[in-house]
PDB file of N, CA and C in Angstrom:
ATOM      1  N   UNK A   1     -14.679  99.685 130.764  1.00  0.00           N
ATOM      2  CA  UNK A   1     -13.645 100.232 131.712  1.00  0.00           C
ATOM      3  C   UNK A   1     -12.701  99.081 132.163  1.00  0.00           C
ATOM      4  N   UNK A   2     -11.342  99.330 132.172  1.00  0.00           N
ATOM      5  CA  UNK A   2     -10.394  98.401 132.544  1.00  0.00           C
ATOM      6  C   UNK A   2     -10.640  97.907 133.988  1.00  0.00           C
ATOM      7  N   UNK A   3     -11.045  98.827 134.855  1.00  0.00           N
ATOM      8  CA  UNK A   3     -11.182  98.409 136.286  1.00  0.00           C
ATOM      9  C   UNK A   3     -12.305  97.338 136.490  1.00  0.00           C
ATOM     10  N   UNK A   4     -13.272  97.323 135.580  1.00  0.00           N
ATOM     11  CA  UNK A   4     -14.329  96.261 135.652  1.00  0.00           C
ATOM     12  C   UNK A   4     -14.116  94.949 134.779  1.00  0.00           C
ATOM     13  N   UNK A   5     -12.867  94.906 134.323  1.00  0.00           N
ATOM     14  CA  UNK A   5     -12.581  93.804 133.421  1.00  0.00           C
ATOM     15  C   UNK A   5     -12.720  92.425 134.324  1.00  0.00           C
ATOM     16  N   UNK A   6     -13.265  91.374 133.675  1.00  0.00           N
ATOM     17  CA  UNK A   6     -13.364  90.099 134.325  1.00  0.00           C
ATOM     18  C   UNK A   6     -12.335  89.182 133.671  1.00  0.00           C
ATOM     19  N   UNK A   7     -11.281  88.834 134.513  1.00  0.00           N
ATOM     20  CA  UNK A   7     -10.237  87.956 134.080  1.00  0.00           C
ATOM     21  C   UNK A   7     -10.682  86.457 134.160  1.00  0.00           C
ATOM     22  N   UNK A   8     -10.365  85.660 133.129  1.00  0.00           N
ATOM     23  CA  UNK A   8     -10.581  84.270 133.217  1.00  0.00           C
ATOM     24  C   UNK A   8      -9.288  83.516 133.753  1.00  0.00           C
ATOM     25  N   UNK A   9      -9.423  82.471 134.367  1.00  0.00           N
ATOM     26  CA  UNK A   9      -8.240  81.735 134.826  1.00  0.00           C
ATOM     27  C   UNK A   9      -7.397  81.326 133.630  1.00  0.00           C
ATOM     28  N   UNK A  10      -6.160  81.398 133.607  1.00  0.00           N
ATOM     29  CA  UNK A  10      -5.337  81.028 132.424  1.00  0.00           C
ATOM     30  C   UNK A  10      -5.209  79.520 132.226  1.00  0.00           C
ATOM     31  N   UNK A  11      -5.697  79.096 131.135  1.00  0.00           N
ATOM     32  CA  UNK A  11      -5.524  77.644 130.832  1.00  0.00           C
ATOM     33  C   UNK A  11      -4.498  77.531 129.680  1.00  0.00           C
ATOM     34  N   UNK A  12      -3.990  76.432 129.363  1.00  0.00           N
ATOM     35  CA  UNK A  12      -2.985  76.347 128.311  1.00  0.00           C
ATOM     36  C   UNK A  12      -3.683  76.852 126.870  1.00  0.00           C
ATOM     37  N   UNK A  13      -4.818  76.454 126.669  1.00  0.00           N
ATOM     38  CA  UNK A  13      -5.554  76.731 125.506  1.00  0.00           C
ATOM     39  C   UNK A  13      -5.774  78.339 125.457  1.00  0.00           C
ATOM     40  N   UNK A  14      -6.119  78.842 126.514  1.00  0.00           N
ATOM     41  CA  UNK A  14      -6.405  80.399 126.549  1.00  0.00           C
ATOM     42  C   UNK A  14      -5.023  81.088 126.345  1.00  0.00           C
ATOM     43  N   UNK A  15      -3.977  80.682 127.038  1.00  0.00           N
ATOM     44  CA  UNK A  15      -2.625  81.291 126.795  1.00  0.00           C
ATOM     45  C   UNK A  15      -2.102  81.026 125.362  1.00  0.00           C
ATOM     46  N   UNK A  16      -2.365  79.912 124.655  1.00  0.00           N
ATOM     47  CA  UNK A  16      -1.980  79.720 123.395  1.00  0.00           C
ATOM     48  C   UNK A  16      -2.618  80.577 122.472  1.00  0.00           C
ATOM     49  N   UNK A  17      -3.952  80.780 122.586  1.00  0.00           N
ATOM     50  CA  UNK A  17      -4.805  81.687 121.792  1.00  0.00           C
ATOM     51  C   UNK A  17      -4.267  83.107 121.962  1.00  0.00           C
ATOM     52  N   UNK A  18      -4.011  83.469 123.266  1.00  0.00           N
ATOM     53  CA  UNK A  18      -3.521  84.829 123.508  1.00  0.00           C
ATOM     54  C   UNK A  18      -2.191  85.109 122.881  1.00  0.00           C
ATOM     55  N   UNK A  19      -1.292  84.114 122.847  1.00  0.00           N
ATOM     56  CA  UNK A  19       0.052  84.254 122.252  1.00  0.00           C
ATOM     57  C   UNK A  19      -0.165  84.340 120.795  1.00  0.00           C
ATOM     58  N   UNK A  20      -0.977  83.618 120.118  1.00  0.00           N
ATOM     59  CA  UNK A  20      -1.136  83.621 118.699  1.00  0.00           C
ATOM     60  C   UNK A  20      -1.764  85.004 118.254  1.00  0.00           C
ATOM     61  N   UNK A  21      -2.750  85.412 119.099  1.00  0.00           N
ATOM     62  CA  UNK A  21      -3.338  86.811 118.730  1.00  0.00           C
ATOM     63  C   UNK A  21      -2.340  87.920 118.983  1.00  0.00           C
ATOM     64  N   UNK A  22      -1.482  87.743 120.023  1.00  0.00           N
ATOM     65  CA  UNK A  22      -0.421  88.825 120.255  1.00  0.00           C
ATOM     66  C   UNK A  22       0.544  88.897 119.025  1.00  0.00           C
ATOM     67  N   UNK A  23       0.976  87.795 118.662  1.00  0.00           N
ATOM     68  CA  UNK A  23       1.983  87.593 117.483  1.00  0.00           C
ATOM     69  C   UNK A  23       1.317  87.988 116.254  1.00  0.00           C
ATOM     70  N   UNK A  24       0.146  87.877 116.009  1.00  0.00           N
ATOM     71  CA  UNK A  24      -0.478  88.379 114.824  1.00  0.00           C
ATOM     72  C   UNK A  24      -0.462  89.897 114.703  1.00  0.00           C
ATOM     73  N   UNK A  25      -0.422  90.570 115.995  1.00  0.00           N
ATOM     74  CA  UNK A  25      -0.472  92.041 115.988  1.00  0.00           C
ATOM     75  C   UNK A  25       0.861  92.588 115.949  1.00  0.00           C
ATOM     76  N   UNK A  26       1.845  91.993 116.749  1.00  0.00           N
ATOM     77  CA  UNK A  26       3.143  92.452 117.017  1.00  0.00           C
ATOM     78  C   UNK A  26       4.264  91.584 116.733  1.00  0.00           C
ATOM     79  N   UNK A  27       5.323  92.162 116.258  1.00  0.00           N
ATOM     80  CA  UNK A  27       6.594  91.361 116.153  1.00  0.00           C
ATOM     81  C   UNK A  27       7.212  91.287 117.487  1.00  0.00           C
ATOM     82  N   UNK A  28       7.583  90.160 117.993  1.00  0.00           N
ATOM     83  CA  UNK A  28       7.986  90.068 119.406  1.00  0.00           C
ATOM     84  C   UNK A  28       8.981  88.938 119.522  1.00  0.00           C
ATOM     85  N   UNK A  29       9.904  89.175 120.441  1.00  0.00           N
ATOM     86  CA  UNK A  29      10.928  88.060 120.813  1.00  0.00           C
ATOM     87  C   UNK A  29      10.202  87.133 121.743  1.00  0.00           C
ATOM     88  N   UNK A  30      10.794  86.020 121.798  1.00  0.00           N
ATOM     89  CA  UNK A  30      10.253  85.023 122.782  1.00  0.00           C
ATOM     90  C   UNK A  30      10.249  85.510 124.157  1.00  0.00           C
ATOM     91  N   UNK A  31      11.308  86.228 124.502  1.00  0.00           N
ATOM     92  CA  UNK A  31      11.362  86.757 125.973  1.00  0.00           C
ATOM     93  C   UNK A  31      10.357  87.813 126.063  1.00  0.00           C
ATOM     94  N   UNK A  32      10.084  88.609 125.268  1.00  0.00           N
ATOM     95  CA  UNK A  32       8.973  89.585 125.498  1.00  0.00           C
ATOM     96  C   UNK A  32       7.501  88.938 125.417  1.00  0.00           C
ATOM     97  N   UNK A  33       7.410  88.031 124.536  1.00  0.00           N
ATOM     98  CA  UNK A  33       6.020  87.231 124.613  1.00  0.00           C
ATOM     99  C   UNK A  33       5.768  86.576 126.001  1.00  0.00           C
ATOM    100  N   UNK A  34       6.870  85.884 126.491  1.00  0.00           N
ATOM    101  CA  UNK A  34       6.753  85.437 127.906  1.00  0.00           C
ATOM    102  C   UNK A  34       6.355  86.394 128.852  1.00  0.00           C
ATOM    103  N   UNK A  35       7.039  87.670 128.815  1.00  0.00           N
ATOM    104  CA  UNK A  35       6.573  88.625 129.831  1.00  0.00           C
ATOM    105  C   UNK A  35       5.215  89.029 129.666  1.00  0.00           C
ATOM    106  N   UNK A  36       4.669  89.113 128.512  1.00  0.00           N
ATOM    107  CA  UNK A  36       3.311  89.592 128.230  1.00  0.00           C
ATOM    108  C   UNK A  36       2.389  88.535 128.771  1.00  0.00           C
ATOM    109  N   UNK A  37       2.691  87.209 128.598  1.00  0.00           N
ATOM    110  CA  UNK A  37       1.759  86.172 129.086  1.00  0.00           C
ATOM    111  C   UNK A  37       1.897  86.072 130.621  1.00  0.00           C
ATOM    112  N   UNK A  38       3.152  86.293 131.089  1.00  0.00           N
ATOM    113  CA  UNK A  38       3.183  86.321 132.620  1.00  0.00           C
ATOM    114  C   UNK A  38       2.430  87.374 133.227  1.00  0.00           C
ATOM    115  N   UNK A  39       2.444  88.609 132.562  1.00  0.00           N
ATOM    116  CA  UNK A  39       1.567  89.664 133.188  1.00  0.00           C
ATOM    117  C   UNK A  39       0.124  89.227 133.104  1.00  0.00           C
ATOM    118  N   UNK A  40      -0.295  88.554 132.040  1.00  0.00           N
ATOM    119  CA  UNK A  40      -1.754  88.197 131.923  1.00  0.00           C
ATOM    120  C   UNK A  40      -2.158  87.209 133.018  1.00  0.00           C
ATOM    121  N   UNK A  41      -1.182  86.223 133.364  1.00  0.00           N
ATOM    122  CA  UNK A  41      -1.330  85.290 134.331  1.00  0.00           C
ATOM    123  C   UNK A  41      -1.498  85.878 135.740  1.00  0.00           C
ATOM    124  N   UNK A  42      -0.588  86.837 136.010  1.00  0.00           N
ATOM    125  CA  UNK A  42      -0.606  87.392 137.265  1.00  0.00           C
ATOM    126  C   UNK A  42      -1.908  88.258 137.455  1.00  0.00           C
ATOM    127  N   UNK A  43      -2.338  89.010 136.452  1.00  0.00           N
ATOM    128  CA  UNK A  43      -3.650  89.875 136.598  1.00  0.00           C
ATOM    129  C   UNK A  43      -4.709  88.863 136.856  1.00  0.00           C
ATOM    130  N   UNK A  44      -4.839  87.797 136.106  1.00  0.00           N
ATOM    131  CA  UNK A  44      -5.968  86.888 136.247  1.00  0.00           C
ATOM    132  C   UNK A  44      -5.894  86.228 137.690  1.00  0.00           C
ATOM    133  N   UNK A  45      -4.708  85.919 138.104  1.00  0.00           N
ATOM    134  CA  UNK A  45      -4.655  85.225 139.437  1.00  0.00           C
ATOM    135  C   UNK A  45      -5.025  86.167 140.515  1.00  0.00           C
ATOM    136  N   UNK A  46      -4.660  87.469 140.385  1.00  0.00           N
ATOM    137  CA  UNK A  46      -4.915  88.453 141.420  1.00  0.00           C
ATOM    138  C   UNK A  46      -6.550  88.605 141.438  1.00  0.00           C
ATOM    139  N   UNK A  47      -7.110  88.510 140.428  1.00  0.00           N
ATOM    140  CA  UNK A  47      -8.637  88.740 140.224  1.00  0.00           C
ATOM    141  C   UNK A  47      -9.338  87.578 140.897  1.00  0.00           C
ATOM    142  N   UNK A  48      -8.631  86.385 140.830  1.00  0.00           N
ATOM    143  CA  UNK A  48      -9.327  85.103 141.482  1.00  0.00           C
ATOM    144  C   UNK A  48      -8.721  84.753 142.712  1.00  0.00           C
ATOM    145  N   UNK A  49      -7.777  85.570 143.341  1.00  0.00           N
ATOM    146  CA  UNK A  49      -7.108  85.285 144.624  1.00  0.00           C
ATOM    147  C   UNK A  49      -6.480  83.911 144.424  1.00  0.00           C
ATOM    148  N   UNK A  50      -5.715  83.639 143.332  1.00  0.00           N
ATOM    149  CA  UNK A  50      -4.939  82.467 143.292  1.00  0.00           C
ATOM    150  C   UNK A  50      -3.522  82.723 143.159  1.00  0.00           C
ATOM    151  N   UNK A  51      -2.667  81.773 143.352  1.00  0.00           N
ATOM    152  CA  UNK A  51      -1.235  81.903 143.291  1.00  0.00           C
ATOM    153  C   UNK A  51      -0.736  81.774 141.895  1.00  0.00           C
ATOM    154  N   UNK A  52      -0.002  82.778 141.346  1.00  0.00           N
ATOM    155  CA  UNK A  52       0.455  82.627 139.908  1.00  0.00           C
ATOM    156  C   UNK A  52       1.379  81.440 139.707  1.00  0.00           C
ATOM    157  N   UNK A  53       2.038  81.122 140.740  1.00  0.00           N
ATOM    158  CA  UNK A  53       2.932  79.919 140.590  1.00  0.00           C
ATOM    159  C   UNK A  53       2.326  78.636 140.084  1.00  0.00           C
ATOM    160  N   UNK A  54       0.929  78.644 140.348  1.00  0.00           N
ATOM    161  CA  UNK A  54       0.179  77.396 139.876  1.00  0.00           C
ATOM    162  C   UNK A  54       0.305  77.392 138.317  1.00  0.00           C
ATOM    163  N   UNK A  55       0.347  78.492 137.669  1.00  0.00           N
ATOM    164  CA  UNK A  55       0.214  78.650 136.141  1.00  0.00           C
ATOM    165  C   UNK A  55       1.536  78.972 135.501  1.00  0.00           C
ATOM    166  N   UNK A  56       2.485  79.510 136.192  1.00  0.00           N
ATOM    167  CA  UNK A  56       3.797  79.780 135.531  1.00  0.00           C
ATOM    168  C   UNK A  56       4.704  78.549 135.539  1.00  0.00           C
ATOM    169  N   UNK A  57       5.341  78.318 134.434  1.00  0.00           N
ATOM    170  CA  UNK A  57       6.368  77.321 134.292  1.00  0.00           C
ATOM    171  C   UNK A  57       7.622  77.803 133.762  1.00  0.00           C
TER     172      UNK A  57
END
């Protein structure tokens, strides 16, 4: 169930692997890929009560 999903804090390595996996599945612009990764960061930070600004650049 999506509500029970455990999010891991985003590291550079995890985000790189996520980006590669996403691009293997979908044709995407760099702007769209950035939005996808930003959403991933925000969800993980909300689950860990962290500030997304720590991870967004």
